[in-house]
Amino acid sequence: MTYESPLAYLLGLEDLALLRSFTGERDREFADDRIAEIRELLASSADAAVDVARVSTVDGYGSGHRPTTDPTRRSTSTSR
């Protein structure tokens, strides 16, 4: 089971932006804006974090896919 948090993801992106600012790629206003955005994110209580079960590619595709050899499946091709 994996824990996925959109808030943590956004904070990580803001962190990368701040690292660019630290190395001189951006100015003070840019850094101040990122810090303000982080404060807003932390102040909001909206975190839609969820526990996610991982599945293999084969299982993931197999869960909602019917084989193309399924006789009940109708062809959408217009060529004959």
C-alpha atoms as a PDB file:
ATOM      1  CA  MET A   1       0.000   0.000   0.000  1.00  0.00           C
ATOM      2  CA  THR A   2       1.326   3.430  -0.946  1.00  0.00           C
ATOM      3  CA  TYR A   3       0.348   6.764   0.586  1.00  0.00           C
ATOM      4  CA  GLU A   4      -0.178   9.530  -1.970  1.00  0.00           C
ATOM      5  CA  SER A   5      -0.663  13.111  -0.859  1.00  0.00           C
ATOM      6  CA  PRO A   6      -1.310  15.900  -3.366  1.00  0.00           C
ATOM      7  CA  LEU A   7      -0.242  18.385  -0.701  1.00  0.00           C
ATOM      8  CA  ALA A   8       3.134  16.679  -0.288  1.00  0.00           C
ATOM      9  CA  TYR A   9       3.560  16.645  -4.063  1.00  0.00           C
ATOM     10  CA  LEU A  10       2.840  20.378  -4.341  1.00  0.00           C
ATOM     11  CA  LEU A  11       5.173  21.177  -1.458  1.00  0.00           C
ATOM     12  CA  GLY A  12       7.889  19.177  -3.203  1.00  0.00           C
ATOM     13  CA  LEU A  13       7.417  21.217  -6.380  1.00  0.00           C
ATOM     14  CA  GLU A  14       7.609  24.446  -4.404  1.00  0.00           C
ATOM     15  CA  ASP A  15      10.788  23.121  -2.770  1.00  0.00           C
ATOM     16  CA  LEU A  16      12.387  22.564  -6.170  1.00  0.00           C
ATOM     17  CA  ALA A  17      11.457  26.107  -7.179  1.00  0.00           C
ATOM     18  CA  LEU A  18      13.062  27.446  -4.007  1.00  0.00           C
ATOM     19  CA  LEU A  19      16.244  25.482  -4.703  1.00  0.00           C
ATOM     20  CA  ARG A  20      16.455  27.178  -8.095  1.00  0.00           C
ATOM     21  CA  SER A  21      16.052  30.501  -6.354  1.00  0.00           C
ATOM     22  CA  PHE A  22      18.838  29.608  -3.911  1.00  0.00           C
ATOM     23  CA  THR A  23      21.258  28.930  -6.750  1.00  0.00           C
ATOM     24  CA  GLY A  24      20.627  32.354  -8.239  1.00  0.00           C
ATOM     25  CA  GLU A  25      18.327  31.382 -11.093  1.00  0.00           C
ATOM     26  CA  ARG A  26      15.524  33.537  -9.648  1.00  0.00           C
ATOM     27  CA  ASP A  27      15.209  36.782  -7.735  1.00  0.00           C
ATOM     28  CA  ARG A  28      14.007  37.578  -4.215  1.00  0.00           C
ATOM     29  CA  GLU A  29      10.435  38.279  -5.329  1.00  0.00           C
ATOM     30  CA  PHE A  30      10.231  34.787  -6.828  1.00  0.00           C
ATOM     31  CA  ALA A  31      11.417  33.212  -3.564  1.00  0.00           C
ATOM     32  CA  ASP A  32       9.021  35.320  -1.485  1.00  0.00           C
ATOM     33  CA  ASP A  33       6.132  34.300  -3.737  1.00  0.00           C
ATOM     34  CA  ARG A  34       6.994  30.585  -3.381  1.00  0.00           C
ATOM     35  CA  ILE A  35       7.180  30.912   0.411  1.00  0.00           C
ATOM     36  CA  ALA A  36       3.788  32.649   0.431  1.00  0.00           C
ATOM     37  CA  GLU A  37       2.337  29.815  -1.673  1.00  0.00           C
ATOM     38  CA  ILE A  38       3.736  27.243   0.754  1.00  0.00           C
ATOM     39  CA  ARG A  39       2.150  29.087   3.682  1.00  0.00           C
ATOM     40  CA  GLU A  40      -1.203  29.083   1.861  1.00  0.00           C
ATOM     41  CA  LEU A  41      -0.935  25.375   1.124  1.00  0.00           C
ATOM     42  CA  LEU A  42      -0.126  24.558   4.741  1.00  0.00           C
ATOM     43  CA  ALA A  43      -2.921  26.799   6.037  1.00  0.00           C
ATOM     44  CA  SER A  44      -5.526  25.053   3.905  1.00  0.00           C
ATOM     45  CA  SER A  45      -6.957  21.921   5.412  1.00  0.00           C
ATOM     46  CA  ALA A  46      -7.725  20.394   2.025  1.00  0.00           C
ATOM     47  CA  ASP A  47      -5.467  17.392   1.643  1.00  0.00           C
ATOM     48  CA  ALA A  48      -6.995  14.614  -0.408  1.00  0.00           C
ATOM     49  CA  ALA A  49      -4.360  12.056   0.565  1.00  0.00           C
ATOM     50  CA  VAL A  50      -5.218   8.429  -0.057  1.00  0.00           C
ATOM     51  CA  ASP A  51      -3.774   4.965   0.404  1.00  0.00           C
ATOM     52  CA  VAL A  52      -3.249   3.384  -2.999  1.00  0.00           C
ATOM     53  CA  ALA A  53      -2.773  -0.277  -3.794  1.00  0.00           C
ATOM     54  CA  ARG A  54      -0.261  -0.866  -6.565  1.00  0.00           C
ATOM     55  CA  VAL A  55      -1.025  -3.355  -9.320  1.00  0.00           C
ATOM     56  CA  SER A  56       1.098  -4.710 -12.120  1.00  0.00           C
ATOM     57  CA  THR A  57       0.632  -3.464 -15.659  1.00  0.00           C
ATOM     58  CA  VAL A  58      -0.881  -6.788 -16.682  1.00  0.00           C
ATOM     59  CA  ASP A  59      -3.379  -6.755 -13.810  1.00  0.00           C
ATOM     60  CA  GLY A  60      -4.191  -3.089 -14.378  1.00  0.00           C
ATOM     61  CA  TYR A  61      -4.977  -3.512 -18.042  1.00  0.00           C
ATOM     62  CA  GLY A  62      -6.751  -6.802 -17.434  1.00  0.00           C
ATOM     63  CA  SER A  63      -9.186  -5.347 -14.932  1.00  0.00           C
ATOM     64  CA  GLY A  64     -11.255  -3.456 -17.481  1.00  0.00           C
ATOM     65  CA  HIS A  65     -10.201  -4.798 -20.836  1.00  0.00           C
ATOM     66  CA  ARG A  66     -11.867  -7.384 -22.986  1.00  0.00           C
ATOM     67  CA  PRO A  67      -9.678  -9.189 -25.485  1.00  0.00           C
ATOM     68  CA  THR A  68     -10.093  -8.173 -29.120  1.00  0.00           C
ATOM     69  CA  THR A  69     -10.980 -11.792 -29.885  1.00  0.00           C
ATOM     70  CA  ASP A  70     -14.128 -11.481 -27.771  1.00  0.00           C
ATOM     71  CA  PRO A  71     -16.948 -12.536 -30.144  1.00  0.00           C
ATOM     72  CA  THR A  72     -19.430 -10.221 -28.402  1.00  0.00           C
ATOM     73  CA  ARG A  73     -17.325  -7.174 -29.166  1.00  0.00           C
ATOM     74  CA  ARG A  74     -18.434  -5.241 -32.215  1.00  0.00           C
ATOM     75  CA  SER A  75     -15.901  -3.852 -34.634  1.00  0.00           C
ATOM     76  CA  THR A  76     -15.808  -0.073 -35.062  1.00  0.00           C
ATOM     77  CA  SER A  77     -13.809  -0.316 -38.266  1.00  0.00           C
ATOM     78  CA  THR A  78     -15.451   1.086 -41.410  1.00  0.00           C
ATOM     79  CA  SER A  79     -13.178  -0.731 -43.858  1.00  0.00           C
ATOM     80  CA  ARG A  80     -14.225  -4.078 -45.264  1.00  0.00           C
END
